[in-house]
């Protein structure tokens, strides 16, 4: 009886592990390479795992948020895939670098030109996007994943506060606080002055480095001289000891 109970308990535990590690937790997601600062530009990766054992992922469609449109979206080439960027007219034009933008990217579609994402693998699809909104903490994208057997999985469910994660959650990009380093403003006089200051700093750093190098060389020379004198002192001392021993023996023999 005890053996059967232990076996049953082990089976339940094993099932729980399988459920917790199952494909429901391997969904399409988006994350920045580094940070995604408000008001700036960022490179983001859409990570797509293959959740099927008998089919490959052959297509990914990512719809962009309409409440915070992005004027610039550029895909990075992915071997074995072709990317198509779709734009749409904006109800309210955007002002970017002092220029009005009347359309923004509404969707990016990647289509496999070969086998796609095979079972047991995942693929990243990088995008350069911006400028990111300054009045939002996150951007919600909606993704559609298509398999080689024509199955379609819609990752479009938005996470609600205080509720469990939905079965097919939409990818969410968290935005960090705006900073001068990540701000996507136009290059102007202030940027030029900053670059000049950086150049001065670099020159000072190089000069300081040269001085430090010179100091190190002087120190090395001093150390070498000290070592030579030390060795010479040891040789002279050893010679003196040898001479004393030899003289003592001569007196003894006499």
Protein backbone atom coordinates (compact mmCIF):
# COMPACT_ATOMS: atom_id res chain seq x y z
CA UNK A 1 0.00 0.00 0.00
CA UNK A 2 2.75 2.41 0.97
CA UNK A 3 4.56 1.74 -2.29
CA UNK A 4 1.42 2.40 -4.34
CA UNK A 5 0.72 5.62 -2.45
CA UNK A 6 4.26 6.82 -3.03
CA UNK A 7 3.96 6.01 -6.74
CA UNK A 8 0.67 7.92 -6.97
CA UNK A 9 2.16 10.90 -5.17
CA UNK A 10 5.14 10.87 -7.50
CA UNK A 11 2.85 10.77 -10.53
CA UNK A 12 0.85 13.76 -9.25
CA UNK A 13 4.04 15.69 -8.58
CA UNK A 14 5.36 14.84 -12.03
CA UNK A 15 2.12 16.01 -13.64
CA UNK A 16 2.31 19.27 -11.73
CA UNK A 17 5.85 19.85 -12.98
CA UNK A 18 4.76 19.17 -16.55
CA UNK A 19 1.86 21.61 -16.22
CA UNK A 20 4.06 24.32 -14.76
CA UNK A 21 6.70 23.91 -17.43
CA UNK A 22 4.25 23.45 -20.27
CA UNK A 23 4.02 25.57 -23.42
CA UNK A 24 1.37 27.88 -21.93
CA UNK A 25 4.22 29.89 -20.42
CA UNK A 26 6.19 30.08 -23.68
CA UNK A 27 4.39 32.88 -25.45
CA UNK A 28 5.33 35.62 -27.90
CA UNK A 29 7.03 38.44 -25.97
CA UNK A 30 8.85 41.72 -26.60
CA UNK A 31 11.84 43.17 -24.75
CA UNK A 32 14.34 45.96 -25.41
CA UNK A 33 18.02 45.49 -26.12
CA UNK A 34 19.16 47.60 -23.19
CA UNK A 35 16.48 50.14 -22.27
CA UNK A 36 13.43 51.64 -23.94
CA UNK A 37 13.37 55.21 -22.60
CA UNK A 38 10.36 57.46 -23.01
CA UNK A 39 10.82 59.95 -25.83
CA UNK A 40 13.76 58.06 -27.30
CA UNK A 41 14.56 55.32 -29.76
CA UNK A 42 15.21 51.68 -28.94
CA UNK A 43 15.92 48.32 -30.49
CA UNK A 44 13.35 45.75 -29.40
CA UNK A 45 13.19 42.01 -29.97
CA UNK A 46 10.01 40.02 -30.53
CA UNK A 47 10.77 36.53 -29.24
CA UNK A 48 8.72 33.77 -30.84
CA UNK A 49 8.92 30.20 -29.50
CA UNK A 50 7.53 27.23 -31.39
CA UNK A 51 4.95 25.53 -29.17
CA UNK A 52 4.10 22.66 -31.48
CA UNK A 53 5.79 19.29 -31.94
CA UNK A 54 4.43 18.60 -35.42
CA UNK A 55 4.57 22.01 -37.15
CA UNK A 56 6.88 24.98 -37.73
CA UNK A 57 6.11 28.67 -37.28
CA UNK A 58 6.05 30.22 -40.74
CA UNK A 59 4.57 33.66 -40.15
CA UNK A 60 4.39 36.38 -37.50
CA UNK A 61 2.23 39.50 -37.65
CA UNK A 62 2.69 42.26 -35.07
CA UNK A 63 0.09 45.03 -34.85
CA UNK A 64 1.29 48.35 -33.42
CA UNK A 65 -0.67 50.40 -30.87
CA UNK A 66 -2.89 53.05 -32.39
CA UNK A 67 -3.12 55.16 -29.22
CA UNK A 68 0.65 55.75 -29.28
CA UNK A 69 1.73 55.46 -32.94
CA UNK A 70 5.40 55.11 -33.81
CA UNK A 71 6.69 57.16 -36.71
CA UNK A 72 9.89 55.17 -37.28
CA UNK A 73 10.00 51.37 -37.42
CA UNK A 74 12.86 49.57 -39.16
CA UNK A 75 13.26 45.78 -39.13
CA UNK A 76 16.66 44.14 -38.94
CA UNK A 77 17.19 41.46 -41.61
CA UNK A 78 16.59 37.96 -40.26
CA UNK A 79 18.07 35.11 -42.32
CA UNK A 80 15.35 32.90 -43.79
CA UNK A 81 12.63 35.53 -43.32
CA UNK A 82 11.20 38.47 -45.25
CA UNK A 83 9.74 41.50 -43.48
CA UNK A 84 6.95 43.74 -44.69
CA UNK A 85 6.17 47.08 -43.00
CA UNK A 86 2.60 48.37 -43.32
CA UNK A 87 1.73 52.02 -42.66
CA UNK A 88 -1.60 53.72 -42.04
CA UNK A 89 -2.87 57.31 -42.03
CA UNK A 90 -3.05 58.99 -38.65
CA UNK A 91 -6.19 60.70 -37.42
CA UNK A 92 -3.93 63.25 -35.72
CA UNK A 93 -0.50 63.97 -37.27
CA UNK A 94 2.63 63.57 -35.15
CA UNK A 95 5.39 66.16 -34.83
CA UNK A 96 8.84 64.57 -34.95
CA UNK A 97 12.01 66.70 -35.06
CA UNK A 98 9.87 69.69 -35.98
CA UNK A 99 8.28 67.87 -38.92
CA UNK A 100 4.70 66.66 -39.12
CA UNK A 101 4.15 62.96 -39.77
CA UNK A 102 0.78 62.01 -41.23
CA UNK A 103 1.23 58.23 -41.19
CA UNK A 104 2.77 55.63 -38.90
CA UNK A 105 3.53 51.93 -38.94
CA UNK A 106 0.45 49.86 -38.17
CA UNK A 107 1.85 46.35 -38.69
CA UNK A 108 5.02 44.40 -39.41
CA UNK A 109 4.75 40.94 -40.98
CA UNK A 110 7.55 38.39 -41.08
CA UNK A 111 7.15 35.44 -43.48
CA UNK A 112 9.48 32.46 -43.59
CA UNK A 113 11.23 31.83 -46.88
CA UNK A 114 12.47 28.46 -45.68
CA UNK A 115 11.52 26.03 -42.91
CA UNK A 116 10.63 28.73 -40.39
CA UNK A 117 10.90 28.11 -36.65
CA UNK A 118 11.04 24.36 -36.22
CA UNK A 119 9.82 22.44 -33.15
CA UNK A 120 12.08 22.93 -30.13
CA UNK A 121 13.42 26.31 -31.33
CA UNK A 122 12.64 30.02 -31.03
CA UNK A 123 13.46 33.07 -33.14
CA UNK A 124 14.03 36.76 -32.35
CA UNK A 125 12.78 39.47 -34.68
CA UNK A 126 14.56 42.81 -33.98
CA UNK A 127 13.08 46.23 -34.73
CA UNK A 128 14.41 49.75 -34.33
CA UNK A 129 11.49 51.88 -33.12
CA UNK A 130 10.83 55.43 -32.03
CA UNK A 131 10.34 57.99 -30.88
CA UNK A 132 8.69 56.24 -27.94
CA UNK A 133 5.79 58.07 -26.25
CA UNK A 134 6.56 60.26 -23.24
CA UNK A 135 3.07 59.91 -21.74
CA UNK A 136 2.93 56.11 -21.39
CA UNK A 137 4.59 53.50 -19.18
CA UNK A 138 4.15 50.63 -21.62
CA UNK A 139 3.19 49.74 -25.16
CA UNK A 140 0.90 46.81 -25.92
CA UNK A 141 1.36 44.98 -29.20
CA UNK A 142 -0.87 42.26 -30.63
CA UNK A 143 0.74 39.33 -32.40
CA UNK A 144 -0.58 36.55 -34.62
CA UNK A 145 1.50 33.38 -35.02
CA UNK A 146 0.85 31.05 -37.96
CA UNK A 147 2.10 27.46 -38.20
CA UNK A 148 2.92 25.34 -41.22
CA UNK A 149 -0.23 23.25 -40.60
CA UNK A 150 -2.32 26.46 -40.99
CA UNK A 151 -2.98 26.73 -37.24
CA UNK A 152 -3.21 30.33 -36.04
CA UNK A 153 -2.53 31.49 -32.47
CA UNK A 154 -3.61 35.01 -31.56
CA UNK A 155 -1.51 36.65 -28.83
CA UNK A 156 -3.90 39.54 -28.33
CA UNK A 157 -5.29 39.30 -24.78
CA UNK A 158 -4.43 42.33 -22.64
CA UNK A 159 -3.38 41.72 -19.05
CA UNK A 160 -5.85 43.20 -16.56
CA UNK A 161 -4.72 44.56 -13.19
CA UNK A 162 -5.28 42.16 -10.32
CA UNK A 163 -6.06 39.22 -12.59
CA UNK A 164 -4.12 36.16 -13.64
CA UNK A 165 -2.18 36.19 -16.88
CA UNK A 166 -4.46 35.36 -19.81
CA UNK A 167 -3.94 32.22 -21.86
CA UNK A 168 -2.71 34.15 -24.91
CA UNK A 169 -1.25 37.42 -23.55
CA UNK A 170 -0.31 40.24 -25.89
CA UNK A 171 3.37 41.27 -25.91
CA UNK A 172 4.00 44.30 -23.66
CA UNK A 173 7.00 46.63 -23.89
CA UNK A 174 7.83 48.35 -20.59
CA UNK A 175 9.16 51.92 -20.97
CA UNK A 176 11.78 53.41 -18.66
CA UNK A 177 12.07 57.03 -17.51
CA UNK A 178 13.27 59.54 -20.08
CA UNK A 179 16.95 60.47 -19.99
CA UNK A 180 19.29 62.66 -22.01
CA UNK A 181 21.21 59.60 -23.19
CA UNK A 182 18.11 57.96 -24.67
CA UNK A 183 16.09 60.97 -25.75
CA UNK A 184 15.29 61.02 -29.45
CA UNK A 185 15.51 64.80 -29.95
CA UNK A 186 16.89 66.44 -33.07
CA UNK A 187 20.62 67.19 -33.14
CA UNK A 188 21.21 70.89 -32.51
CA UNK A 189 23.61 73.41 -31.09
CA UNK A 190 23.39 71.93 -27.62
CA UNK A 191 24.38 68.54 -29.00
CA UNK A 192 27.34 70.12 -30.79
CA UNK A 193 28.48 71.80 -27.59
CA UNK A 194 28.09 68.52 -25.77
CA UNK A 195 30.21 66.80 -28.37
CA UNK A 196 32.83 69.54 -28.03
CA UNK A 197 32.83 69.08 -24.28
CA UNK A 198 33.17 65.35 -24.75
CA UNK A 199 36.09 65.94 -27.12
CA UNK A 200 37.77 68.17 -24.54
CA UNK A 201 37.16 65.56 -21.89
CA UNK A 202 38.60 62.88 -24.16
CA UNK A 203 41.69 65.05 -24.79
CA UNK A 204 42.11 65.61 -21.06
CA UNK A 205 41.66 61.92 -20.45
CA UNK A 206 44.24 61.07 -23.10
CA UNK A 207 46.68 63.66 -21.67
CA UNK A 208 46.14 62.35 -18.17
CA UNK A 209 46.65 58.83 -19.47
CA UNK A 210 49.92 59.89 -21.11
CA UNK A 211 51.10 61.50 -17.86
CA UNK A 212 50.15 58.38 -15.98
CA UNK A 213 52.02 56.30 -18.54
CA UNK A 214 55.09 58.53 -18.12
CA UNK A 215 54.87 58.20 -14.36
CA UNK A 216 54.64 54.46 -14.70
CA UNK A 217 57.71 54.47 -16.93
CA UNK A 218 59.66 56.54 -14.38
CA UNK A 219 58.56 54.20 -11.63
CA UNK A 220 59.62 51.22 -13.72
CA UNK A 221 63.03 52.81 -14.29
CA UNK A 222 63.44 53.51 -10.58
CA UNK A 223 62.45 49.96 -9.74
CA UNK A 224 64.95 48.57 -12.26
CA UNK A 225 67.77 50.70 -10.84
CA UNK A 226 66.91 49.60 -7.31
CA UNK A 227 66.93 45.96 -8.38
CA UNK A 228 70.36 46.34 -10.07
CA UNK A 229 71.84 48.05 -7.00
CA UNK A 230 70.33 45.40 -4.76
CA UNK A 231 71.81 42.58 -6.82
CA UNK A 232 75.19 44.33 -6.89
CA UNK A 233 75.07 44.73 -3.12
CA UNK A 234 74.35 41.04 -2.70
CA UNK A 235 77.26 40.12 -4.99
CA UNK A 236 79.65 42.43 -3.12
CA UNK A 237 78.46 41.07 0.22
CA UNK A 238 78.90 37.48 -0.94
CA UNK A 239 82.42 38.29 -2.18
CA UNK A 240 83.26 39.85 1.17
CA UNK A 241 82.06 36.78 3.03
CA UNK A 242 84.03 34.50 0.74
CA UNK A 243 87.16 36.60 1.22
CA UNK A 244 86.73 36.51 5.01
CA UNK A 245 86.36 32.73 5.01
CA UNK A 246 89.42 32.34 2.78
CA UNK A 247 91.50 34.67 4.97
CA UNK A 248 90.43 32.80 8.10
CA UNK A 249 91.51 29.49 6.60
CA UNK A 250 94.96 30.91 5.70
CA UNK A 251 95.47 32.08 9.27
CA UNK A 252 94.45 28.70 10.57
CA UNK A 253 96.86 26.94 8.21
CA UNK A 254 99.65 29.28 9.26
